[in-house]
């Protein structure tokens, strides 16, 4: 597997447990937060999907970090042209930044939905 395959594998994984990308998951979470409904089941599904997607992003972040460390360690010992390795490192760093940004957005949306779920549960008990 060459450098382009390693970097390309990081984005839009086909092994995604949750349908859609981060934008879709965040949109579903925001819709659940905006809904004035009191159905906990309507809240739990996007919350569960969001956590599943967050775990996938955490896994992807870890994979990218390991690959970045490996690429840096290999840099001195490989006969690959420096430009190719530099391009790979740049692409890995960009992918890592994107994954971290997506994870941050998703965590913020999940926190909003968690607060909403708590208020719905509290209202149901009262």
Foldseek 3Di string as FASTA:
>chain_A
DDLVVLLVCLPPHPPQPAPDDLVVLLVQLVVLLPDPDLDLVSLVVSLVSLVSNLVVLVVSLVSLVVVLVVLVVCQVVDPPDNVRSVVSNVSSVVSNVVSVVSSVSSVVSSVSSVVSSVVSVVVVVD
